[in-house]
Amino acid sequence: MEKIHAYSEDTVRRIATFAGLRSDQPALVVNGDSRRVNLEKVLPSDVQFDGIFTSPPYVGQIDYHNQHVYAYELFGIPRRDSSEIGPKRGGKSKLAQQSYVENIAAVFGHCSKFLKPGGKVFIVANDRFGLYPEIMQRSGLRIKETIVRAVTKRTEQGDDSF
């Protein structure tokens, strides 16, 4: 019961924070495979991004389609489990890691085509296998800075730091 109260309070706090940040600016949601989604079809030809902020999946830790099944059902989005990058069901073997490198590099290579010159890509990643140097090299990006911090909690409960 204590956890449900903590999660509920955290949810209310996040909704209130979001409400304060919300604007009337237009937003576009594109549902597709980020390795090859045809953004040219949905974006004006002169649109380029200042930056990308992402937290890609981690190798062999979560089956996202299963974790977010409610969203697929709620929004009527078809599931594409076989296209998921780095799923838990695929494990953490060297083969799974290599597949992850190829696929995440394809995502960044594709998305970087839409960046303004000098645009930045911020990646929140659990790189316990040291895969991101190769991913960046393959995708044509470079690592400018790496910040490492331990994450000891999965939600923002309490006042203690990470």
N, C-alpha and C. Protein backbone atom coordinates (compact mmCIF):
# COMPACT_ATOMS: atom_id res chain seq x y z
N MET A 1 0.82 -1.19 0.00
CA MET A 1 0.00 0.00 0.00
C MET A 1 0.87 1.26 0.00
N GLU A 2 2.00 1.19 0.68
CA GLU A 2 2.90 2.35 0.74
C GLU A 2 3.42 2.71 -0.65
N LYS A 3 3.75 1.69 -1.46
CA LYS A 3 4.27 1.95 -2.81
C LYS A 3 3.21 2.60 -3.70
N ILE A 4 1.97 2.16 -3.60
CA ILE A 4 0.92 2.73 -4.46
C ILE A 4 0.73 4.21 -4.14
N HIS A 5 0.85 4.57 -2.88
CA HIS A 5 0.74 5.99 -2.51
C HIS A 5 1.92 6.77 -3.06
N ALA A 6 3.12 6.21 -2.94
CA ALA A 6 4.31 6.90 -3.46
C ALA A 6 4.22 7.06 -4.98
N TYR A 7 3.81 6.01 -5.68
CA TYR A 7 3.67 6.10 -7.14
C TYR A 7 2.59 7.11 -7.52
N SER A 8 1.49 7.09 -6.79
CA SER A 8 0.40 8.02 -7.08
C SER A 8 0.85 9.47 -6.88
N GLU A 9 1.53 9.74 -5.78
CA GLU A 9 2.03 11.10 -5.53
C GLU A 9 3.03 11.51 -6.60
N ASP A 10 3.88 10.59 -7.02
CA ASP A 10 4.85 10.88 -8.07
C ASP A 10 4.13 11.18 -9.38
N THR A 11 3.10 10.43 -9.70
CA THR A 11 2.32 10.65 -10.92
C THR A 11 1.65 12.01 -10.90
N VAL A 12 1.04 12.37 -9.80
CA VAL A 12 0.38 13.67 -9.68
C VAL A 12 1.40 14.79 -9.84
N ARG A 13 2.56 14.64 -9.22
CA ARG A 13 3.62 15.65 -9.34
C ARG A 13 4.07 15.80 -10.79
N ARG A 14 4.25 14.70 -11.49
CA ARG A 14 4.68 14.75 -12.89
C ARG A 14 3.61 15.40 -13.78
N ILE A 15 2.35 15.09 -13.54
CA ILE A 15 1.28 15.70 -14.33
C ILE A 15 1.25 17.21 -14.09
N ALA A 16 1.38 17.62 -12.84
CA ALA A 16 1.38 19.06 -12.52
C ALA A 16 2.58 19.75 -13.18
N THR A 17 3.74 19.12 -13.15
CA THR A 17 4.93 19.70 -13.78
C THR A 17 4.71 19.84 -15.28
N PHE A 18 4.19 18.79 -15.90
CA PHE A 18 3.92 18.83 -17.33
C PHE A 18 2.91 19.92 -17.68
N ALA A 19 1.87 20.04 -16.87
CA ALA A 19 0.85 21.06 -17.13
C ALA A 19 1.47 22.46 -17.14
N GLY A 20 2.46 22.69 -16.29
CA GLY A 20 3.12 23.97 -16.24
C GLY A 20 4.05 24.22 -17.42
N LEU A 21 4.50 23.16 -18.07
CA LEU A 21 5.41 23.28 -19.21
C LEU A 21 4.68 23.24 -20.56
N ARG A 22 3.48 22.77 -20.53
CA ARG A 22 2.71 22.57 -21.77
C ARG A 22 2.53 23.89 -22.51
N SER A 23 2.57 23.83 -23.82
CA SER A 23 2.37 25.03 -24.63
C SER A 23 1.37 24.73 -25.73
N ASP A 24 1.05 25.77 -26.49
CA ASP A 24 0.13 25.59 -27.60
C ASP A 24 0.86 25.33 -28.92
N GLN A 25 2.14 25.05 -28.82
CA GLN A 25 2.93 24.76 -30.02
C GLN A 25 2.48 23.43 -30.62
N PRO A 26 2.47 23.35 -31.94
CA PRO A 26 2.04 22.10 -32.57
C PRO A 26 3.06 20.98 -32.32
N ALA A 27 2.55 19.78 -32.30
CA ALA A 27 3.40 18.60 -32.14
C ALA A 27 2.99 17.57 -33.18
N LEU A 28 3.95 16.79 -33.59
CA LEU A 28 3.69 15.75 -34.58
C LEU A 28 4.23 14.43 -34.02
N VAL A 29 3.39 13.43 -33.99
CA VAL A 29 3.80 12.10 -33.55
C VAL A 29 3.82 11.21 -34.78
N VAL A 30 4.95 10.58 -35.02
CA VAL A 30 5.10 9.69 -36.17
C VAL A 30 5.33 8.29 -35.63
N ASN A 31 4.45 7.38 -35.96
CA ASN A 31 4.60 5.99 -35.54
C ASN A 31 5.27 5.24 -36.67
N GLY A 32 6.47 4.73 -36.40
CA GLY A 32 7.18 3.98 -37.43
C GLY A 32 8.48 3.43 -36.92
N ASP A 33 9.15 2.68 -37.74
CA ASP A 33 10.44 2.09 -37.41
C ASP A 33 11.51 3.17 -37.56
N SER A 34 12.13 3.54 -36.47
CA SER A 34 13.08 4.67 -36.48
C SER A 34 14.34 4.40 -37.31
N ARG A 35 14.53 3.18 -37.76
CA ARG A 35 15.66 2.88 -38.65
C ARG A 35 15.39 3.36 -40.07
N ARG A 36 14.10 3.49 -40.41
CA ARG A 36 13.79 3.80 -41.80
C ARG A 36 12.49 4.57 -42.02
N VAL A 37 11.90 5.11 -40.97
CA VAL A 37 10.64 5.84 -41.13
C VAL A 37 10.84 6.97 -42.13
N ASN A 38 9.86 7.15 -43.01
CA ASN A 38 9.97 8.13 -44.08
C ASN A 38 9.47 9.49 -43.58
N LEU A 39 10.35 10.22 -42.90
CA LEU A 39 9.98 11.53 -42.37
C LEU A 39 9.75 12.55 -43.47
N GLU A 40 10.33 12.33 -44.63
CA GLU A 40 10.13 13.25 -45.75
C GLU A 40 8.65 13.34 -46.13
N LYS A 41 7.89 12.28 -45.87
CA LYS A 41 6.47 12.27 -46.20
C LYS A 41 5.65 13.14 -45.26
N VAL A 42 6.12 13.32 -44.02
CA VAL A 42 5.31 14.00 -43.02
C VAL A 42 5.86 15.36 -42.59
N LEU A 43 7.10 15.66 -42.94
CA LEU A 43 7.71 16.93 -42.55
C LEU A 43 7.89 17.84 -43.76
N PRO A 44 7.74 19.15 -43.56
CA PRO A 44 8.09 20.06 -44.66
C PRO A 44 9.56 19.85 -45.05
N SER A 45 9.88 20.05 -46.31
CA SER A 45 11.22 19.73 -46.81
C SER A 45 12.33 20.55 -46.16
N ASP A 46 12.00 21.71 -45.60
CA ASP A 46 13.04 22.55 -45.02
C ASP A 46 13.23 22.32 -43.51
N VAL A 47 12.51 21.38 -42.93
CA VAL A 47 12.60 21.14 -41.49
C VAL A 47 13.86 20.35 -41.15
N GLN A 48 14.61 20.89 -40.21
CA GLN A 48 15.74 20.18 -39.64
C GLN A 48 15.69 20.37 -38.13
N PHE A 49 16.15 19.37 -37.41
CA PHE A 49 16.09 19.40 -35.95
C PHE A 49 17.34 20.05 -35.37
N ASP A 50 17.14 20.81 -34.28
CA ASP A 50 18.27 21.38 -33.54
C ASP A 50 19.00 20.27 -32.78
N GLY A 51 18.25 19.28 -32.37
CA GLY A 51 18.86 18.18 -31.62
C GLY A 51 17.88 17.04 -31.43
N ILE A 52 18.41 15.96 -30.92
CA ILE A 52 17.62 14.78 -30.62
C ILE A 52 17.97 14.37 -29.20
N PHE A 53 16.96 14.07 -28.40
CA PHE A 53 17.16 13.56 -27.05
C PHE A 53 16.47 12.22 -27.00
N THR A 54 17.22 11.18 -26.67
CA THR A 54 16.64 9.84 -26.72
C THR A 54 17.20 8.93 -25.62
N SER A 55 16.42 7.96 -25.28
CA SER A 55 16.85 6.89 -24.38
C SER A 55 16.49 5.58 -25.07
N PRO A 56 17.41 5.09 -25.91
CA PRO A 56 17.10 3.86 -26.66
C PRO A 56 17.00 2.66 -25.74
N PRO A 57 16.46 1.57 -26.25
CA PRO A 57 16.36 0.36 -25.42
C PRO A 57 17.75 -0.14 -25.04
N TYR A 58 17.81 -0.90 -23.98
CA TYR A 58 19.06 -1.50 -23.54
C TYR A 58 19.07 -2.96 -23.97
N VAL A 59 20.23 -3.50 -24.18
CA VAL A 59 20.35 -4.88 -24.68
C VAL A 59 19.79 -5.88 -23.66
N GLY A 60 18.78 -6.62 -24.08
CA GLY A 60 18.27 -7.74 -23.30
C GLY A 60 17.66 -7.41 -21.95
N GLN A 61 17.13 -6.21 -21.77
CA GLN A 61 16.59 -5.87 -20.45
C GLN A 61 15.07 -5.79 -20.40
N ILE A 62 14.44 -5.33 -21.46
CA ILE A 62 12.99 -5.13 -21.43
C ILE A 62 12.40 -5.53 -22.78
N ASP A 63 11.25 -6.19 -22.74
CA ASP A 63 10.45 -6.41 -23.93
C ASP A 63 9.43 -5.27 -23.96
N TYR A 64 9.75 -4.20 -24.68
CA TYR A 64 8.93 -2.98 -24.64
C TYR A 64 7.51 -3.20 -25.14
N HIS A 65 7.33 -4.04 -26.14
CA HIS A 65 5.98 -4.28 -26.63
C HIS A 65 5.11 -4.89 -25.53
N ASN A 66 5.68 -5.78 -24.75
CA ASN A 66 4.92 -6.37 -23.64
C ASN A 66 4.72 -5.37 -22.51
N GLN A 67 5.73 -4.57 -22.24
CA GLN A 67 5.64 -3.61 -21.14
C GLN A 67 4.58 -2.53 -21.43
N HIS A 68 4.42 -2.17 -22.69
CA HIS A 68 3.51 -1.09 -23.05
C HIS A 68 2.30 -1.60 -23.85
N VAL A 69 1.89 -2.82 -23.59
CA VAL A 69 0.77 -3.41 -24.32
C VAL A 69 -0.48 -2.56 -24.21
N TYR A 70 -0.67 -1.91 -23.07
CA TYR A 70 -1.84 -1.07 -22.88
C TYR A 70 -1.90 0.05 -23.93
N ALA A 71 -0.76 0.62 -24.29
CA ALA A 71 -0.73 1.72 -25.26
C ALA A 71 -1.11 1.21 -26.65
N TYR A 72 -0.62 0.04 -27.01
CA TYR A 72 -0.99 -0.52 -28.31
C TYR A 72 -2.49 -0.73 -28.39
N GLU A 73 -3.06 -1.23 -27.31
CA GLU A 73 -4.50 -1.49 -27.29
C GLU A 73 -5.29 -0.18 -27.23
N LEU A 74 -4.86 0.75 -26.40
CA LEU A 74 -5.56 2.02 -26.22
C LEU A 74 -5.60 2.83 -27.51
N PHE A 75 -4.46 2.89 -28.23
CA PHE A 75 -4.38 3.71 -29.43
C PHE A 75 -4.58 2.92 -30.73
N GLY A 76 -4.81 1.63 -30.61
CA GLY A 76 -5.03 0.82 -31.81
C GLY A 76 -3.80 0.71 -32.70
N ILE A 77 -2.63 0.75 -32.10
CA ILE A 77 -1.38 0.67 -32.86
C ILE A 77 -1.00 -0.80 -33.04
N PRO A 78 -0.71 -1.21 -34.26
CA PRO A 78 -0.31 -2.61 -34.45
C PRO A 78 1.03 -2.90 -33.78
N ARG A 79 1.13 -4.05 -33.17
CA ARG A 79 2.39 -4.46 -32.54
C ARG A 79 3.36 -4.95 -33.61
N ARG A 80 4.62 -4.64 -33.37
CA ARG A 80 5.68 -5.10 -34.28
C ARG A 80 6.82 -5.69 -33.45
N ASP A 81 6.47 -6.66 -32.63
CA ASP A 81 7.44 -7.26 -31.71
C ASP A 81 8.71 -7.71 -32.41
N SER A 82 8.59 -8.25 -33.60
CA SER A 82 9.76 -8.78 -34.30
C SER A 82 10.73 -7.68 -34.73
N SER A 83 10.27 -6.43 -34.75
CA SER A 83 11.13 -5.30 -35.13
C SER A 83 11.78 -4.63 -33.93
N GLU A 84 11.44 -5.06 -32.73
CA GLU A 84 11.95 -4.43 -31.52
C GLU A 84 13.47 -4.60 -31.44
N ILE A 85 14.16 -3.54 -31.05
CA ILE A 85 15.62 -3.56 -30.94
C ILE A 85 16.02 -3.93 -29.52
N GLY A 86 16.88 -4.93 -29.38
CA GLY A 86 17.43 -5.32 -28.09
C GLY A 86 16.46 -5.89 -27.09
N PRO A 87 15.44 -6.65 -27.50
CA PRO A 87 14.46 -7.12 -26.53
C PRO A 87 15.04 -8.10 -25.52
N LYS A 88 14.40 -8.16 -24.36
CA LYS A 88 14.82 -9.09 -23.31
C LYS A 88 14.79 -10.53 -23.81
N ARG A 89 13.77 -10.86 -24.58
CA ARG A 89 13.65 -12.23 -25.08
C ARG A 89 14.83 -12.62 -25.98
N GLY A 90 15.55 -11.61 -26.52
CA GLY A 90 16.71 -11.87 -27.37
C GLY A 90 17.99 -12.11 -26.58
N GLY A 91 17.95 -11.87 -25.27
CA GLY A 91 19.12 -12.11 -24.43
C GLY A 91 20.19 -11.03 -24.56
N LYS A 92 21.35 -11.34 -23.94
CA LYS A 92 22.47 -10.40 -23.90
C LYS A 92 23.75 -10.98 -24.50
N SER A 93 23.61 -12.02 -25.29
CA SER A 93 24.76 -12.70 -25.88
C SER A 93 25.54 -11.76 -26.80
N LYS A 94 26.71 -12.19 -27.23
CA LYS A 94 27.51 -11.40 -28.19
C LYS A 94 26.72 -11.19 -29.48
N LEU A 95 25.97 -12.19 -29.91
CA LEU A 95 25.15 -12.07 -31.12
C LEU A 95 24.05 -11.02 -30.91
N ALA A 96 23.41 -11.03 -29.75
CA ALA A 96 22.38 -10.04 -29.43
C ALA A 96 22.99 -8.64 -29.38
N GLN A 97 24.18 -8.53 -28.82
CA GLN A 97 24.86 -7.23 -28.75
C GLN A 97 25.21 -6.72 -30.14
N GLN A 98 25.68 -7.60 -31.02
CA GLN A 98 26.04 -7.18 -32.37
C GLN A 98 24.81 -6.73 -33.15
N SER A 99 23.70 -7.45 -32.98
CA SER A 99 22.45 -7.06 -33.62
C SER A 99 22.02 -5.68 -33.11
N TYR A 100 22.17 -5.46 -31.82
CA TYR A 100 21.83 -4.18 -31.21
C TYR A 100 22.68 -3.05 -31.81
N VAL A 101 23.98 -3.28 -31.91
CA VAL A 101 24.89 -2.28 -32.49
C VAL A 101 24.44 -1.92 -33.90
N GLU A 102 24.18 -2.90 -34.73
CA GLU A 102 23.77 -2.65 -36.10
C GLU A 102 22.47 -1.86 -36.17
N ASN A 103 21.51 -2.24 -35.34
CA ASN A 103 20.19 -1.61 -35.39
C ASN A 103 20.18 -0.21 -34.80
N ILE A 104 20.83 0.00 -33.67
CA ILE A 104 20.87 1.34 -33.08
C ILE A 104 21.71 2.27 -33.96
N ALA A 105 22.78 1.77 -34.55
CA ALA A 105 23.57 2.58 -35.48
C ALA A 105 22.70 2.99 -36.67
N ALA A 106 21.86 2.09 -37.15
CA ALA A 106 20.96 2.42 -38.26
C ALA A 106 19.98 3.52 -37.84
N VAL A 107 19.48 3.46 -36.61
CA VAL A 107 18.57 4.50 -36.11
C VAL A 107 19.26 5.85 -36.12
N PHE A 108 20.45 5.92 -35.51
CA PHE A 108 21.15 7.20 -35.43
C PHE A 108 21.60 7.69 -36.80
N GLY A 109 22.03 6.79 -37.66
CA GLY A 109 22.42 7.18 -39.01
C GLY A 109 21.24 7.78 -39.76
N HIS A 110 20.08 7.16 -39.62
CA HIS A 110 18.88 7.66 -40.31
C HIS A 110 18.43 9.00 -39.72
N CYS A 111 18.33 9.07 -38.41
CA CYS A 111 17.82 10.29 -37.76
C CYS A 111 18.77 11.47 -37.93
N SER A 112 20.06 11.22 -37.99
CA SER A 112 21.02 12.32 -38.08
C SER A 112 20.91 13.07 -39.41
N LYS A 113 20.28 12.44 -40.42
CA LYS A 113 20.07 13.12 -41.70
C LYS A 113 19.15 14.32 -41.55
N PHE A 114 18.40 14.37 -40.45
CA PHE A 114 17.43 15.44 -40.24
C PHE A 114 17.93 16.49 -39.24
N LEU A 115 19.19 16.39 -38.84
CA LEU A 115 19.78 17.36 -37.91
C LEU A 115 20.33 18.56 -38.65
N LYS A 116 20.20 19.73 -38.02
CA LYS A 116 20.87 20.92 -38.54
C LYS A 116 22.37 20.72 -38.42
N PRO A 117 23.17 21.38 -39.23
CA PRO A 117 24.63 21.31 -39.03
C PRO A 117 24.96 21.73 -37.60
N GLY A 118 25.76 20.95 -36.93
CA GLY A 118 26.12 21.24 -35.54
C GLY A 118 25.08 20.78 -34.54
N GLY A 119 24.01 20.13 -35.01
CA GLY A 119 22.98 19.63 -34.10
C GLY A 119 23.55 18.59 -33.16
N LYS A 120 22.95 18.49 -32.00
CA LYS A 120 23.44 17.57 -30.95
C LYS A 120 22.47 16.41 -30.76
N VAL A 121 23.03 15.27 -30.39
CA VAL A 121 22.24 14.11 -30.05
C VAL A 121 22.60 13.74 -28.61
N PHE A 122 21.60 13.77 -27.74
CA PHE A 122 21.80 13.41 -26.33
C PHE A 122 21.21 12.03 -26.13
N ILE A 123 22.04 11.12 -25.63
CA ILE A 123 21.62 9.73 -25.50
C ILE A 123 21.74 9.30 -24.04
N VAL A 124 20.64 8.84 -23.47
CA VAL A 124 20.66 8.26 -22.13
C VAL A 124 20.71 6.75 -22.35
N ALA A 125 21.84 6.16 -21.99
CA ALA A 125 22.02 4.74 -22.31
C ALA A 125 22.72 3.99 -21.19
N ASN A 126 22.34 2.75 -21.05
CA ASN A 126 23.05 1.83 -20.17
C ASN A 126 24.03 1.10 -21.07
N ASP A 127 25.29 1.55 -21.08
CA ASP A 127 26.27 0.97 -22.00
C ASP A 127 27.22 0.03 -21.26
N ARG A 128 26.65 -0.87 -20.49
CA ARG A 128 27.48 -1.80 -19.70
C ARG A 128 28.37 -2.68 -20.56
N PHE A 129 28.02 -2.83 -21.83
CA PHE A 129 28.82 -3.67 -22.73
C PHE A 129 29.80 -2.86 -23.58
N GLY A 130 29.82 -1.54 -23.39
CA GLY A 130 30.76 -0.69 -24.14
C GLY A 130 30.48 -0.67 -25.64
N LEU A 131 29.22 -0.63 -26.03
CA LEU A 131 28.83 -0.71 -27.44
C LEU A 131 28.76 0.65 -28.15
N TYR A 132 28.62 1.71 -27.38
CA TYR A 132 28.35 3.00 -28.02
C TYR A 132 29.49 3.60 -28.83
N PRO A 133 30.75 3.38 -28.52
CA PRO A 133 31.79 3.87 -29.44
C PRO A 133 31.62 3.29 -30.86
N GLU A 134 31.34 2.00 -30.95
CA GLU A 134 31.13 1.40 -32.27
C GLU A 134 29.84 1.90 -32.91
N ILE A 135 28.79 2.05 -32.11
CA ILE A 135 27.52 2.55 -32.64
C ILE A 135 27.71 3.95 -33.23
N MET A 136 28.42 4.80 -32.51
CA MET A 136 28.64 6.17 -33.00
C MET A 136 29.47 6.16 -34.27
N GLN A 137 30.50 5.34 -34.31
CA GLN A 137 31.36 5.26 -35.49
C GLN A 137 30.56 4.80 -36.69
N ARG A 138 29.75 3.78 -36.51
CA ARG A 138 28.94 3.24 -37.62
C ARG A 138 27.88 4.23 -38.10
N SER A 139 27.38 5.04 -37.19
CA SER A 139 26.29 5.95 -37.56
C SER A 139 26.78 7.29 -38.07
N GLY A 140 28.09 7.51 -38.03
CA GLY A 140 28.64 8.76 -38.51
C GLY A 140 28.61 9.88 -37.48
N LEU A 141 28.30 9.54 -36.24
CA LEU A 141 28.31 10.51 -35.16
C LEU A 141 29.58 10.33 -34.33
N ARG A 142 29.84 11.28 -33.44
CA ARG A 142 30.99 11.12 -32.56
C ARG A 142 30.58 11.47 -31.14
N ILE A 143 31.26 10.84 -30.20
CA ILE A 143 30.99 11.10 -28.79
C ILE A 143 31.78 12.32 -28.38
N LYS A 144 31.08 13.34 -27.91
CA LYS A 144 31.73 14.55 -27.45
C LYS A 144 31.99 14.48 -25.95
N GLU A 145 31.05 13.94 -25.22
CA GLU A 145 31.18 13.86 -23.77
C GLU A 145 30.36 12.68 -23.26
N THR A 146 30.88 12.02 -22.24
CA THR A 146 30.16 10.94 -21.58
C THR A 146 30.04 11.28 -20.10
N ILE A 147 28.84 11.21 -19.60
CA ILE A 147 28.60 11.43 -18.18
C ILE A 147 28.11 10.12 -17.61
N VAL A 148 28.77 9.64 -16.59
CA VAL A 148 28.41 8.36 -15.99
C VAL A 148 27.84 8.63 -14.60
N ARG A 149 26.70 8.02 -14.34
CA ARG A 149 26.15 8.10 -13.00
C ARG A 149 25.42 6.81 -12.69
N ALA A 150 25.44 6.45 -11.44
CA ALA A 150 24.73 5.26 -11.00
C ALA A 150 23.26 5.61 -10.81
N VAL A 151 22.40 4.72 -11.22
CA VAL A 151 20.97 4.89 -10.99
C VAL A 151 20.58 3.81 -10.00
N THR A 152 20.22 4.24 -8.81
CA THR A 152 19.92 3.28 -7.76
C THR A 152 18.43 3.15 -7.49
N LYS A 153 17.64 4.02 -8.13
CA LYS A 153 16.20 3.96 -7.94
C LYS A 153 15.52 4.12 -9.29
N ARG A 154 14.35 3.49 -9.44
CA ARG A 154 13.63 3.56 -10.72
C ARG A 154 12.59 4.67 -10.75
N THR A 155 12.27 5.27 -9.62
CA THR A 155 11.35 6.40 -9.60
C THR A 155 11.93 7.48 -8.72
N GLU A 156 11.36 8.65 -8.78
CA GLU A 156 11.88 9.78 -8.03
C GLU A 156 11.24 9.89 -6.66
N GLN A 157 11.28 8.84 -5.90
CA GLN A 157 10.71 8.86 -4.56
C GLN A 157 11.80 9.29 -3.58
N GLY A 158 11.40 10.03 -2.59
CA GLY A 158 12.32 10.39 -1.53
C GLY A 158 13.24 11.54 -1.94
N ASP A 159 14.07 11.95 -1.00
CA ASP A 159 14.97 13.09 -1.22
C ASP A 159 16.40 12.69 -1.46
N ASP A 160 16.73 11.40 -1.35
CA ASP A 160 18.12 11.00 -1.53
C ASP A 160 18.48 11.04 -3.01
N SER A 161 19.73 11.35 -3.29
CA SER A 161 20.17 11.49 -4.69
C SER A 161 20.45 10.13 -5.30
N PHE A 162 20.59 10.12 -6.60
CA PHE A 162 20.98 8.93 -7.32
C PHE A 162 22.41 8.60 -7.03
